[in-house]
Amino acid sequence: MLLKSLRFLAIASILATPVAAQAYTGPGLGLGAVGVALGLVGSILLAIISVVWYPVKRLVRRLRGRAR
């Protein structure tokens, strides 16, 4: 009984070990990842600029209105 359990445990552990994937990822995957990274950075920068630009634009309009 013990030998049968040990044999089962040995077979289960051998089958559960990961095997290296034999897969090819073409150059499109790298270009896609770069595109996603640049898009993410660009959208974050655009969000920051838009949050800062709106109050500056309102201030400039108020100052121009008082100067006339």
N, C-alpha and C. Protein backbone atom coordinates (compact mmCIF):
# COMPACT_ATOMS: atom_id res chain seq x y z
N MET A 1 0.82 -1.19 0.00
CA MET A 1 0.00 0.00 0.00
C MET A 1 0.87 1.26 0.00
N LEU A 2 1.89 1.28 0.86
CA LEU A 2 2.79 2.42 0.93
C LEU A 2 3.57 2.58 -0.37
N LEU A 3 4.00 1.47 -0.94
CA LEU A 3 4.74 1.52 -2.19
C LEU A 3 3.87 2.04 -3.33
N LYS A 4 2.61 1.65 -3.32
CA LYS A 4 1.68 2.12 -4.34
C LYS A 4 1.45 3.64 -4.21
N SER A 5 1.35 4.12 -2.97
CA SER A 5 1.16 5.56 -2.74
C SER A 5 2.39 6.34 -3.16
N LEU A 6 3.57 5.82 -2.85
CA LEU A 6 4.80 6.50 -3.24
C LEU A 6 4.97 6.53 -4.75
N ARG A 7 4.61 5.45 -5.40
CA ARG A 7 4.68 5.39 -6.86
C ARG A 7 3.73 6.42 -7.48
N PHE A 8 2.51 6.49 -6.94
CA PHE A 8 1.54 7.46 -7.44
C PHE A 8 2.05 8.89 -7.21
N LEU A 9 2.61 9.16 -6.05
CA LEU A 9 3.14 10.48 -5.74
C LEU A 9 4.31 10.84 -6.66
N ALA A 10 5.17 9.87 -6.96
CA ALA A 10 6.30 10.11 -7.86
C ALA A 10 5.81 10.42 -9.27
N ILE A 11 4.85 9.66 -9.76
CA ILE A 11 4.32 9.90 -11.11
C ILE A 11 3.60 11.24 -11.17
N ALA A 12 2.84 11.58 -10.15
CA ALA A 12 2.13 12.85 -10.13
C ALA A 12 3.10 14.02 -10.10
N SER A 13 4.17 13.91 -9.34
CA SER A 13 5.14 15.02 -9.27
C SER A 13 5.91 15.16 -10.58
N ILE A 14 6.18 14.06 -11.25
CA ILE A 14 6.86 14.14 -12.55
C ILE A 14 5.96 14.80 -13.59
N LEU A 15 4.69 14.45 -13.58
CA LEU A 15 3.75 15.05 -14.54
C LEU A 15 3.46 16.52 -14.22
N ALA A 16 3.63 16.91 -12.98
CA ALA A 16 3.31 18.29 -12.59
C ALA A 16 4.46 19.26 -12.82
N THR A 17 5.65 18.76 -13.14
CA THR A 17 6.78 19.67 -13.36
C THR A 17 6.61 20.40 -14.68
N PRO A 18 6.91 21.69 -14.70
CA PRO A 18 6.75 22.45 -15.94
C PRO A 18 7.83 22.10 -16.95
N VAL A 19 7.46 22.20 -18.20
CA VAL A 19 8.38 21.92 -19.30
C VAL A 19 8.57 23.22 -20.07
N ALA A 20 9.76 23.46 -20.55
CA ALA A 20 10.03 24.67 -21.33
C ALA A 20 9.18 24.67 -22.59
N ALA A 21 8.59 25.81 -22.87
CA ALA A 21 7.74 25.93 -24.05
C ALA A 21 8.62 26.05 -25.30
N GLN A 22 8.30 25.32 -26.31
CA GLN A 22 9.00 25.39 -27.58
C GLN A 22 8.14 26.21 -28.54
N ALA A 23 8.13 27.52 -28.33
CA ALA A 23 7.27 28.39 -29.11
C ALA A 23 8.10 29.51 -29.73
N TYR A 24 7.66 29.99 -30.86
CA TYR A 24 8.33 31.09 -31.54
C TYR A 24 7.44 32.33 -31.45
N THR A 25 8.00 33.40 -30.96
CA THR A 25 7.28 34.67 -30.97
C THR A 25 7.98 35.57 -31.97
N GLY A 26 7.26 35.96 -32.97
CA GLY A 26 7.84 36.74 -34.06
C GLY A 26 8.13 38.17 -33.67
N PRO A 27 8.66 38.93 -34.61
CA PRO A 27 9.00 40.32 -34.34
C PRO A 27 7.76 41.19 -34.12
N GLY A 28 6.63 40.73 -34.57
CA GLY A 28 5.40 41.50 -34.37
C GLY A 28 5.03 41.62 -32.91
N LEU A 29 5.36 40.62 -32.12
CA LEU A 29 5.06 40.68 -30.68
C LEU A 29 5.90 41.76 -30.02
N GLY A 30 7.16 41.86 -30.37
CA GLY A 30 8.01 42.91 -29.79
C GLY A 30 7.55 44.29 -30.20
N LEU A 31 7.22 44.47 -31.46
CA LEU A 31 6.74 45.77 -31.92
C LEU A 31 5.41 46.12 -31.28
N GLY A 32 4.57 45.13 -31.09
CA GLY A 32 3.29 45.37 -30.42
C GLY A 32 3.48 45.78 -28.98
N ALA A 33 4.41 45.14 -28.29
CA ALA A 33 4.68 45.49 -26.89
C ALA A 33 5.25 46.90 -26.79
N VAL A 34 6.13 47.27 -27.71
CA VAL A 34 6.67 48.63 -27.71
C VAL A 34 5.56 49.63 -27.99
N GLY A 35 4.68 49.31 -28.92
CA GLY A 35 3.56 50.20 -29.23
C GLY A 35 2.63 50.39 -28.05
N VAL A 36 2.35 49.32 -27.33
CA VAL A 36 1.49 49.43 -26.16
C VAL A 36 2.16 50.26 -25.07
N ALA A 37 3.45 50.05 -24.86
CA ALA A 37 4.18 50.81 -23.84
C ALA A 37 4.20 52.30 -24.19
N LEU A 38 4.48 52.62 -25.44
CA LEU A 38 4.49 54.03 -25.86
C LEU A 38 3.10 54.66 -25.76
N GLY A 39 2.09 53.90 -26.11
CA GLY A 39 0.72 54.40 -26.00
C GLY A 39 0.33 54.67 -24.56
N LEU A 40 0.74 53.79 -23.66
CA LEU A 40 0.44 53.98 -22.25
C LEU A 40 1.14 55.21 -21.69
N VAL A 41 2.43 55.35 -22.00
CA VAL A 41 3.18 56.52 -21.52
C VAL A 41 2.60 57.80 -22.14
N GLY A 42 2.27 57.76 -23.41
CA GLY A 42 1.70 58.93 -24.06
C GLY A 42 0.37 59.34 -23.48
N SER A 43 -0.48 58.36 -23.17
CA SER A 43 -1.79 58.71 -22.61
C SER A 43 -1.65 59.27 -21.20
N ILE A 44 -0.71 58.76 -20.43
CA ILE A 44 -0.49 59.30 -19.08
C ILE A 44 0.02 60.74 -19.17
N LEU A 45 0.98 60.99 -20.07
CA LEU A 45 1.49 62.36 -20.24
C LEU A 45 0.41 63.31 -20.73
N LEU A 46 -0.42 62.84 -21.65
CA LEU A 46 -1.51 63.68 -22.15
C LEU A 46 -2.51 63.99 -21.06
N ALA A 47 -2.79 63.04 -20.19
CA ALA A 47 -3.70 63.28 -19.08
C ALA A 47 -3.13 64.31 -18.12
N ILE A 48 -1.85 64.21 -17.83
CA ILE A 48 -1.21 65.17 -16.92
C ILE A 48 -1.23 66.57 -17.53
N ILE A 49 -0.88 66.67 -18.81
CA ILE A 49 -0.85 67.97 -19.49
C ILE A 49 -2.25 68.58 -19.54
N SER A 50 -3.27 67.77 -19.80
CA SER A 50 -4.62 68.32 -19.88
C SER A 50 -5.11 68.80 -18.53
N VAL A 51 -4.73 68.12 -17.46
CA VAL A 51 -5.15 68.56 -16.12
C VAL A 51 -4.45 69.87 -15.75
N VAL A 52 -3.22 70.04 -16.17
CA VAL A 52 -2.48 71.26 -15.86
C VAL A 52 -2.88 72.40 -16.79
N TRP A 53 -3.18 72.11 -18.05
CA TRP A 53 -3.42 73.15 -19.05
C TRP A 53 -4.73 73.89 -18.82
N TYR A 54 -5.77 73.23 -18.37
CA TYR A 54 -7.07 73.88 -18.23
C TYR A 54 -7.04 75.05 -17.25
N PRO A 55 -6.49 74.89 -16.04
CA PRO A 55 -6.43 76.06 -15.15
C PRO A 55 -5.53 77.18 -15.67
N VAL A 56 -4.46 76.82 -16.36
CA VAL A 56 -3.58 77.85 -16.93
C VAL A 56 -4.34 78.63 -18.01
N LYS A 57 -5.10 77.94 -18.83
CA LYS A 57 -5.87 78.59 -19.89
C LYS A 57 -6.91 79.54 -19.29
N ARG A 58 -7.58 79.14 -18.22
CA ARG A 58 -8.57 80.00 -17.57
C ARG A 58 -7.90 81.24 -16.98
N LEU A 59 -6.72 81.06 -16.39
CA LEU A 59 -5.99 82.19 -15.81
C LEU A 59 -5.58 83.19 -16.88
N VAL A 60 -5.11 82.70 -18.01
CA VAL A 60 -4.70 83.58 -19.11
C VAL A 60 -5.91 84.35 -19.64
N ARG A 61 -7.05 83.70 -19.77
CA ARG A 61 -8.26 84.39 -20.24
C ARG A 61 -8.71 85.47 -19.26
N ARG A 62 -8.62 85.17 -17.96
CA ARG A 62 -9.00 86.18 -16.97
C ARG A 62 -8.05 87.38 -17.01
N LEU A 63 -6.75 87.12 -17.13
CA LEU A 63 -5.79 88.22 -17.18
C LEU A 63 -5.95 89.06 -18.44
N ARG A 64 -6.25 88.45 -19.54
CA ARG A 64 -6.46 89.20 -20.79
C ARG A 64 -7.74 90.03 -20.70
N GLY A 65 -8.74 89.51 -20.06
CA GLY A 65 -10.00 90.25 -19.92
C GLY A 65 -9.85 91.47 -19.04
N ARG A 66 -9.03 91.41 -18.01
CA ARG A 66 -8.82 92.55 -17.11
C ARG A 66 -7.88 93.59 -17.71
N ALA A 67 -6.99 93.17 -18.59
CA ALA A 67 -6.03 94.11 -19.17
C ALA A 67 -6.67 95.03 -20.18
N ARG A 68 -7.77 94.64 -20.77
CA ARG A 68 -8.41 95.47 -21.82
C ARG A 68 -9.23 96.56 -21.23
